[in-house]
Structures are given as C-alpha cells and as structure tokens.
Amino acid sequence: MPKLHRVGATLLATLLALSIATGALAQSGPPARIVALGASNTEGFGVSTWEAYPARLQALLRAKGIDAEVINAGMSGDTTAGMLARLDAFLLDGTHLLILQPGSNDARYGLAAETSGNVARIKGRLDERGIKLIVVDNTFLGALPDTEMQSDGIHYTPAGYAILAERLLPRVLAALGR
C-alpha cells in the first residue's frame, strides 16, 4: 500500500474512533452531579482545593471513565443545623448524590443532641427529590494513622484526604449504579 494511502487509512481510523467516542460521550448525558456537604474536613482545611477529598474523588471517578462533577460545599466550623440551612442552595436539578460529613462541630458547640434530627431532616429532603445519600462519619472512615492527620489531630493531611476519597469511591460508584 502506498504511503499516502496508509496515512489516509490511519487518519480515517482515528477520525472514526473520535466520532465513536464523541457519540458515546454525547449519549451519556450531563455529568453525574455529586455534592459534598460538611464542615472543615469536607472543605479541605489546611490543604489546597485540589487536595481536598471532593476534588480527589472527582479525579478518581474521571479516571474510571465516569463524567462526574463533585461540588465542594464544605464550610469550616459548620454544624449540622448550618448544613441543613445551606442544603437547598446546592441541590440543583440533576444532583444525583449528596455526601454528608457532619463532623464534630455539633459536639464542640454543645449541639450534639441536634445532630441526628438534623441528619434525618437532610435525608428527608433528599428523599423528596430522589437524591441518594452517603453519610461519612467516624464509623465509615475508621481510624486514620496519626501520620495522616494534621498537627491539630482533627484535620487530614493531603494523604488523609486521598484515603478518604479512595474509601468513598466504591460507595459512590454503587450509588451511581456503576
């Protein structure tokens, strides 16, 4: 086969592959919208935005070929009452999943008795909209090695946030039906 024909055949094969890939992406619809709601460990206290677990989770999902947008709705110092008050601002049309990390601020501010009720109200609002929920608490996360905690013993290091994202990935995939 002459060299020009081989180049043309290679170009045609490449264009066909791109066309198929583009068609597959176009047919898959909008990205899966995931909201990460919580306090400082959701926000990514002490690390850059891309080192916080929501950004790391989004990268893990995309590495698996899943078009997903993970919105970081973390706010340092927030309580479950504050999260409940902010909830509707983040539940835009197309939200598939909410990851709730209540944190320890309720206990710190003497509001621990309100935590379970606020989490139940958040879950109720999600149920009304058909949005799935994953709650990240100490039971879910398990103990991280001290080396993965910042010096305050409360917030994660970049490696700690990466561990959280990796531990969340299977549950997120299941919630998305993958």
Protein backbone atom coordinates (compact mmCIF):
# COMPACT_ATOMS: atom_id res chain seq x y z
CA MET A 1 0.00 0.00 0.00
CA PRO A 2 1.44 3.40 -0.92
CA LYS A 3 2.49 5.61 1.98
CA LEU A 4 -0.25 8.19 1.26
CA HIS A 5 -2.97 5.51 1.49
CA ARG A 6 -1.61 4.30 4.84
CA VAL A 7 -1.69 7.85 6.22
CA GLY A 8 -5.21 8.28 4.89
CA ALA A 9 -6.33 4.96 6.39
CA THR A 10 -4.75 5.88 9.74
CA LEU A 11 -6.42 9.28 9.68
CA LEU A 12 -9.76 7.71 8.81
CA ALA A 13 -9.43 5.17 11.65
CA THR A 14 -8.55 7.97 14.08
CA LEU A 15 -11.50 10.09 12.98
CA LEU A 16 -13.82 7.10 13.28
CA ALA A 17 -12.55 6.37 16.80
CA LEU A 18 -13.04 10.03 17.77
CA SER A 19 -16.51 10.02 16.27
CA ILE A 20 -17.48 6.92 18.24
CA ALA A 21 -16.00 8.33 21.45
CA THR A 22 -17.72 11.68 20.94
CA GLY A 23 -21.01 9.97 20.24
CA ALA A 24 -20.69 7.86 23.37
CA LEU A 25 -20.00 10.94 25.46
CA ALA A 26 -22.86 12.85 23.90
CA GLN A 27 -25.26 9.98 24.58
CA SER A 28 -24.20 9.66 28.21
CA GLY A 29 -25.91 12.95 29.11
CA PRO A 30 -24.81 15.51 31.65
CA PRO A 31 -22.17 14.65 34.23
CA ALA A 32 -23.21 12.93 37.43
CA ARG A 33 -23.64 15.76 39.95
CA ILE A 34 -22.41 14.97 43.45
CA VAL A 35 -22.49 17.43 46.34
CA ALA A 36 -20.05 17.04 49.25
CA LEU A 37 -21.64 18.84 52.22
CA GLY A 38 -19.83 19.20 55.51
CA ALA A 39 -17.50 21.27 57.62
CA SER A 40 -13.73 21.77 57.55
CA ASN A 41 -12.70 18.25 56.56
CA THR A 42 -15.01 18.49 53.55
CA GLU A 43 -13.78 21.97 52.71
CA GLY A 44 -10.18 20.75 52.91
CA PHE A 45 -8.87 22.67 55.92
CA GLY A 46 -5.14 23.27 55.68
CA VAL A 47 -4.69 21.98 52.13
CA SER A 48 -5.22 23.34 48.64
CA THR A 49 -8.62 22.96 46.97
CA TRP A 50 -7.39 20.18 44.66
CA GLU A 51 -6.06 18.19 47.65
CA ALA A 52 -9.41 18.13 49.48
CA TYR A 53 -11.38 14.90 49.18
CA PRO A 54 -14.13 16.23 46.83
CA ALA A 55 -11.57 17.14 44.15
CA ARG A 56 -9.72 13.87 44.66
CA LEU A 57 -12.98 11.91 44.41
CA GLN A 58 -13.85 13.68 41.16
CA ALA A 59 -10.43 12.77 39.75
CA LEU A 60 -10.88 9.12 40.79
CA LEU A 61 -14.29 8.97 39.12
CA ARG A 62 -12.98 10.51 35.92
CA ALA A 63 -10.05 8.08 35.92
CA LYS A 64 -12.68 5.31 35.84
CA GLY A 65 -14.32 6.98 32.80
CA ILE A 66 -17.22 8.47 34.76
CA ASP A 67 -18.14 12.02 33.86
CA ALA A 68 -18.80 13.44 37.32
CA GLU A 69 -18.80 16.84 38.94
CA VAL A 70 -18.18 16.82 42.70
CA ILE A 71 -19.21 20.13 44.25
CA ASN A 72 -17.34 21.04 47.43
CA ALA A 73 -19.96 22.51 49.78
CA GLY A 74 -17.78 22.26 52.86
CA MET A 75 -17.53 25.19 55.25
CA SER A 76 -15.15 25.27 58.20
CA GLY A 77 -16.89 25.48 61.56
CA ASP A 78 -20.29 24.48 60.18
CA THR A 79 -22.81 22.49 62.23
CA THR A 80 -25.49 20.11 61.00
CA ALA A 81 -28.04 22.93 61.52
CA GLY A 82 -25.95 25.13 59.23
CA MET A 83 -25.66 22.33 56.69
CA LEU A 84 -29.42 21.87 56.76
CA ALA A 85 -29.90 25.62 56.22
CA ARG A 86 -27.46 25.63 53.26
CA LEU A 87 -28.70 22.39 51.72
CA ASP A 88 -31.19 23.75 49.17
CA ALA A 89 -28.61 26.12 47.69
CA PHE A 90 -26.63 23.10 46.48
CA LEU A 91 -29.40 20.70 45.44
CA LEU A 92 -29.74 21.92 41.89
CA ASP A 93 -31.57 19.94 39.22
CA GLY A 94 -29.50 16.97 38.20
CA THR A 95 -27.98 16.30 41.61
CA HIS A 96 -27.60 12.53 41.94
CA LEU A 97 -25.89 12.13 45.28
CA LEU A 98 -25.08 14.02 48.47
CA ILE A 99 -22.10 13.03 50.59
CA LEU A 100 -22.68 14.35 54.11
CA GLN A 101 -19.79 14.64 56.55
CA PRO A 102 -21.35 16.03 59.74
CA GLY A 103 -18.02 16.47 61.53
CA SER A 104 -17.66 17.24 65.22
CA ASN A 105 -18.75 20.86 65.45
CA ASP A 106 -22.17 19.99 66.91
CA ALA A 107 -20.43 18.40 69.88
CA ARG A 108 -17.89 21.22 70.12
CA TYR A 109 -20.68 23.83 70.31
CA GLY A 110 -22.88 21.82 72.69
CA LEU A 111 -25.37 20.87 69.97
CA ALA A 112 -24.78 17.10 69.84
CA ALA A 113 -28.43 16.41 70.76
CA GLU A 114 -29.49 18.05 67.48
CA THR A 115 -27.21 16.05 65.17
CA SER A 116 -29.37 13.01 64.48
CA GLY A 117 -32.51 15.11 63.94
CA ASN A 118 -30.72 17.42 61.50
CA VAL A 119 -29.25 14.49 59.59
CA ALA A 120 -32.75 12.94 59.42
CA ARG A 121 -34.18 16.21 58.05
CA ILE A 122 -31.41 16.37 55.44
CA LYS A 123 -32.18 12.78 54.46
CA GLY A 124 -35.90 13.61 54.23
CA ARG A 125 -35.25 16.49 51.83
CA LEU A 126 -33.06 14.27 49.70
CA ASP A 127 -35.67 11.50 49.65
CA GLU A 128 -38.28 14.02 48.43
CA ARG A 129 -36.05 14.79 45.45
CA GLY A 130 -34.83 11.26 44.78
CA ILE A 131 -31.24 12.12 45.70
CA LYS A 132 -29.10 9.42 47.28
CA LEU A 133 -27.15 9.96 50.50
CA ILE A 134 -23.83 8.73 51.84
CA VAL A 135 -23.02 9.75 55.42
CA VAL A 136 -19.33 9.92 56.25
CA ASP A 137 -18.81 9.62 59.98
CA ASN A 138 -16.09 8.12 62.14
CA THR A 139 -17.65 4.67 61.75
CA PHE A 140 -17.44 4.92 57.97
CA LEU A 141 -13.98 6.40 57.85
CA GLY A 142 -12.35 4.30 60.55
CA ALA A 143 -9.19 5.44 62.18
CA LEU A 144 -6.59 7.09 60.03
CA PRO A 145 -2.97 6.68 61.06
CA ASP A 146 -1.65 9.65 63.05
CA THR A 147 0.68 10.33 60.14
CA GLU A 148 -2.37 11.22 58.01
CA MET A 149 -3.65 13.83 60.46
CA GLN A 150 -2.51 17.42 60.71
CA SER A 151 -0.87 18.51 63.97
CA ASP A 152 -4.26 19.55 65.40
CA GLY A 153 -5.40 15.91 65.34
CA ILE A 154 -8.71 16.92 63.70
CA HIS A 155 -7.93 17.67 60.07
CA TYR A 156 -6.42 15.37 57.47
CA THR A 157 -3.18 15.74 55.60
CA PRO A 158 -3.28 15.61 51.80
CA ALA A 159 -2.65 11.85 52.06
CA GLY A 160 -5.50 11.56 54.57
CA TYR A 161 -7.89 13.30 52.18
CA ALA A 162 -6.73 10.92 49.44
CA ILE A 163 -7.52 7.94 51.69
CA LEU A 164 -11.00 9.34 52.36
CA ALA A 165 -11.65 9.73 48.62
CA GLU A 166 -10.44 6.17 47.94
CA ARG A 167 -12.65 4.76 50.71
CA LEU A 168 -15.64 6.68 49.35
CA LEU A 169 -15.15 5.60 45.74
CA PRO A 170 -16.84 2.15 45.95
CA ARG A 171 -19.88 3.57 47.74
CA VAL A 172 -20.16 6.43 45.25
CA LEU A 173 -19.90 4.01 42.32
CA ALA A 174 -22.65 1.85 43.86
CA ALA A 175 -24.87 4.90 44.45
CA LEU A 176 -24.40 5.91 40.80
CA GLY A 177 -25.24 2.37 39.66
CA ARG A 178 -21.73 1.62 38.37
